[in-house]
Amino acid sequence: VHYLPLKMIDGLLLMMANAVFGDLSRHGITRPEKGPFVLKSETGRSAVIDVGTIGLIKKDKIKVSISSVKHT
């Protein structure tokens, strides 16, 4: 049972994530076009953020490497 539309929940969640994590794009991490709940409902996949890893990325202890993944 859904009490609020998924897009509304995603909007609230993304506002909280921005407040907690800030903009990570300068570190090479961009957000998907769809929010986490819409993405989960459409694809069955979940977005995962490891808080400890984000902290290390911000401190430049971990470097983000972007690569493409091909699904076969």
N, C-alpha and C. Protein backbone atom coordinates (compact mmCIF):
# COMPACT_ATOMS: atom_id res chain seq x y z
N VAL A 1 0.85 -1.18 0.00
CA VAL A 1 0.00 0.00 0.00
C VAL A 1 0.89 1.23 0.00
N HIS A 2 0.63 2.14 -0.90
CA HIS A 2 1.39 3.39 -0.99
C HIS A 2 0.55 4.52 -0.40
N TYR A 3 1.14 5.25 0.52
CA TYR A 3 0.45 6.38 1.13
C TYR A 3 0.77 7.68 0.41
N LEU A 4 1.95 7.76 -0.17
CA LEU A 4 2.38 8.93 -0.93
C LEU A 4 2.91 8.45 -2.28
N PRO A 5 2.79 9.28 -3.31
CA PRO A 5 3.37 8.89 -4.61
C PRO A 5 4.89 8.70 -4.49
N LEU A 6 5.41 7.72 -5.23
CA LEU A 6 6.84 7.42 -5.17
C LEU A 6 7.69 8.62 -5.55
N LYS A 7 7.25 9.40 -6.53
CA LYS A 7 8.03 10.58 -6.93
C LYS A 7 8.11 11.59 -5.79
N MET A 8 7.06 11.70 -4.99
CA MET A 8 7.08 12.62 -3.86
C MET A 8 8.06 12.12 -2.79
N ILE A 9 8.02 10.83 -2.53
CA ILE A 9 8.94 10.25 -1.55
C ILE A 9 10.38 10.42 -2.03
N ASP A 10 10.62 10.19 -3.33
CA ASP A 10 11.95 10.38 -3.90
C ASP A 10 12.42 11.82 -3.72
N GLY A 11 11.53 12.77 -3.95
CA GLY A 11 11.89 14.18 -3.79
C GLY A 11 12.33 14.49 -2.37
N LEU A 12 11.58 13.98 -1.40
CA LEU A 12 11.93 14.20 0.01
C LEU A 12 13.25 13.51 0.36
N LEU A 13 13.40 12.29 -0.11
CA LEU A 13 14.63 11.54 0.16
C LEU A 13 15.85 12.22 -0.45
N LEU A 14 15.72 12.75 -1.66
CA LEU A 14 16.84 13.41 -2.32
C LEU A 14 17.20 14.72 -1.62
N MET A 15 16.21 15.42 -1.09
CA MET A 15 16.50 16.63 -0.32
C MET A 15 17.31 16.28 0.93
N MET A 16 16.91 15.20 1.60
CA MET A 16 17.65 14.76 2.79
C MET A 16 19.07 14.31 2.42
N ALA A 17 19.20 13.58 1.31
CA ALA A 17 20.52 13.12 0.88
C ALA A 17 21.42 14.30 0.53
N ASN A 18 20.85 15.32 -0.10
CA ASN A 18 21.64 16.52 -0.40
C ASN A 18 22.11 17.20 0.87
N ALA A 19 21.24 17.24 1.87
CA ALA A 19 21.61 17.88 3.14
C ALA A 19 22.71 17.08 3.85
N VAL A 20 22.64 15.76 3.79
CA VAL A 20 23.61 14.91 4.50
C VAL A 20 24.92 14.78 3.72
N PHE A 21 24.82 14.49 2.42
CA PHE A 21 26.01 14.18 1.62
C PHE A 21 26.52 15.35 0.79
N GLY A 22 25.66 16.30 0.49
CA GLY A 22 26.05 17.41 -0.38
C GLY A 22 26.13 16.98 -1.83
N ASP A 23 26.68 17.86 -2.66
CA ASP A 23 26.83 17.59 -4.08
C ASP A 23 28.11 16.78 -4.30
N LEU A 24 27.96 15.59 -4.81
CA LEU A 24 29.11 14.71 -5.01
C LEU A 24 29.60 14.70 -6.46
N SER A 25 29.00 15.54 -7.31
CA SER A 25 29.36 15.53 -8.72
C SER A 25 30.81 15.93 -8.96
N ARG A 26 31.36 16.77 -8.11
CA ARG A 26 32.77 17.15 -8.30
C ARG A 26 33.72 15.99 -8.01
N HIS A 27 33.20 14.95 -7.36
CA HIS A 27 33.98 13.74 -7.10
C HIS A 27 33.70 12.66 -8.14
N GLY A 28 32.87 12.98 -9.13
CA GLY A 28 32.56 12.02 -10.19
C GLY A 28 31.33 11.18 -9.93
N ILE A 29 30.57 11.50 -8.88
CA ILE A 29 29.36 10.74 -8.56
C ILE A 29 28.15 11.59 -8.92
N THR A 30 27.36 11.11 -9.87
CA THR A 30 26.16 11.83 -10.28
C THR A 30 24.93 11.00 -9.91
N ARG A 31 23.84 11.69 -9.72
CA ARG A 31 22.59 11.00 -9.38
C ARG A 31 21.90 10.51 -10.65
N PRO A 32 21.23 9.37 -10.56
CA PRO A 32 20.44 8.91 -11.70
C PRO A 32 19.27 9.86 -11.94
N GLU A 33 18.72 9.83 -13.15
CA GLU A 33 17.59 10.70 -13.46
C GLU A 33 16.38 10.37 -12.61
N LYS A 34 16.19 9.10 -12.32
CA LYS A 34 15.05 8.67 -11.51
C LYS A 34 15.47 8.53 -10.06
N GLY A 35 14.54 8.80 -9.17
CA GLY A 35 14.81 8.67 -7.74
C GLY A 35 14.89 7.21 -7.32
N PRO A 36 15.36 6.95 -6.10
CA PRO A 36 15.60 5.58 -5.66
C PRO A 36 14.35 4.71 -5.58
N PHE A 37 13.22 5.25 -5.16
CA PHE A 37 12.02 4.42 -5.05
C PHE A 37 11.40 4.14 -6.41
N VAL A 38 11.40 5.13 -7.31
CA VAL A 38 10.91 4.89 -8.67
C VAL A 38 11.82 3.88 -9.36
N LEU A 39 13.12 4.04 -9.22
CA LEU A 39 14.08 3.11 -9.82
C LEU A 39 13.85 1.69 -9.31
N LYS A 40 13.64 1.53 -8.01
CA LYS A 40 13.40 0.21 -7.41
C LYS A 40 12.10 -0.40 -7.95
N SER A 41 11.05 0.42 -8.05
CA SER A 41 9.76 -0.12 -8.50
C SER A 41 9.79 -0.50 -9.98
N GLU A 42 10.59 0.21 -10.78
CA GLU A 42 10.64 -0.07 -12.22
C GLU A 42 11.64 -1.15 -12.59
N THR A 43 12.75 -1.23 -11.87
CA THR A 43 13.82 -2.16 -12.28
C THR A 43 14.10 -3.26 -11.27
N GLY A 44 13.64 -3.09 -10.03
CA GLY A 44 13.94 -4.06 -8.99
C GLY A 44 15.32 -3.86 -8.38
N ARG A 45 16.02 -2.81 -8.80
CA ARG A 45 17.37 -2.53 -8.29
C ARG A 45 17.32 -1.40 -7.28
N SER A 46 18.23 -1.45 -6.34
CA SER A 46 18.30 -0.42 -5.30
C SER A 46 19.59 0.38 -5.42
N ALA A 47 19.48 1.68 -5.23
CA ALA A 47 20.67 2.53 -5.15
C ALA A 47 21.25 2.38 -3.75
N VAL A 48 22.56 2.29 -3.66
CA VAL A 48 23.21 2.09 -2.37
C VAL A 48 24.27 3.17 -2.15
N ILE A 49 24.24 3.77 -0.97
CA ILE A 49 25.27 4.74 -0.59
C ILE A 49 25.88 4.26 0.72
N ASP A 50 27.18 4.06 0.71
CA ASP A 50 27.88 3.68 1.92
C ASP A 50 28.43 4.96 2.56
N VAL A 51 27.93 5.28 3.73
CA VAL A 51 28.27 6.53 4.40
C VAL A 51 29.78 6.64 4.64
N GLY A 52 30.41 5.58 5.06
CA GLY A 52 31.85 5.62 5.31
C GLY A 52 32.64 5.88 4.04
N THR A 53 32.22 5.27 2.95
CA THR A 53 32.89 5.47 1.68
C THR A 53 32.75 6.91 1.21
N ILE A 54 31.57 7.48 1.34
CA ILE A 54 31.35 8.88 0.94
C ILE A 54 32.29 9.79 1.71
N GLY A 55 32.45 9.56 2.99
CA GLY A 55 33.37 10.37 3.79
C GLY A 55 34.80 10.28 3.29
N LEU A 56 35.24 9.08 2.92
CA LEU A 56 36.60 8.89 2.41
C LEU A 56 36.78 9.52 1.03
N ILE A 57 35.73 9.48 0.22
CA ILE A 57 35.80 10.14 -1.09
C ILE A 57 35.94 11.64 -0.91
N LYS A 58 35.17 12.21 0.01
CA LYS A 58 35.25 13.65 0.25
C LYS A 58 36.62 14.07 0.80
N LYS A 59 37.28 13.18 1.52
CA LYS A 59 38.62 13.47 2.07
C LYS A 59 39.73 13.12 1.07
N ASP A 60 39.33 12.73 -0.15
CA ASP A 60 40.27 12.32 -1.20
C ASP A 60 41.12 11.12 -0.82
N LYS A 61 40.60 10.27 0.05
CA LYS A 61 41.28 9.02 0.42
C LYS A 61 40.94 7.91 -0.59
N ILE A 62 39.78 8.08 -1.25
CA ILE A 62 39.34 7.15 -2.29
C ILE A 62 39.07 7.97 -3.54
N LYS A 63 39.58 7.52 -4.69
CA LYS A 63 39.33 8.19 -5.96
C LYS A 63 38.26 7.42 -6.71
N VAL A 64 37.28 8.15 -7.22
CA VAL A 64 36.20 7.54 -7.99
C VAL A 64 36.66 7.35 -9.42
N SER A 65 36.46 6.16 -9.94
CA SER A 65 36.80 5.86 -11.33
C SER A 65 35.52 5.47 -12.05
N ILE A 66 35.20 6.21 -13.09
CA ILE A 66 33.97 5.97 -13.83
C ILE A 66 34.27 5.02 -14.98
N SER A 67 33.48 3.98 -15.09
CA SER A 67 33.59 3.05 -16.21
C SER A 67 32.19 2.62 -16.61
N SER A 68 32.07 2.10 -17.79
CA SER A 68 30.77 1.63 -18.23
C SER A 68 30.69 0.12 -18.00
N VAL A 69 29.50 -0.33 -17.69
CA VAL A 69 29.26 -1.74 -17.45
C VAL A 69 28.30 -2.23 -18.52
N LYS A 70 28.66 -3.30 -19.18
CA LYS A 70 27.79 -3.87 -20.20
C LYS A 70 27.14 -5.11 -19.64
N HIS A 71 25.82 -5.15 -19.72
CA HIS A 71 25.07 -6.33 -19.27
C HIS A 71 24.83 -7.22 -20.47
N THR A 72 25.08 -8.50 -20.30
CA THR A 72 24.85 -9.43 -21.41
C THR A 72 23.69 -10.33 -21.11
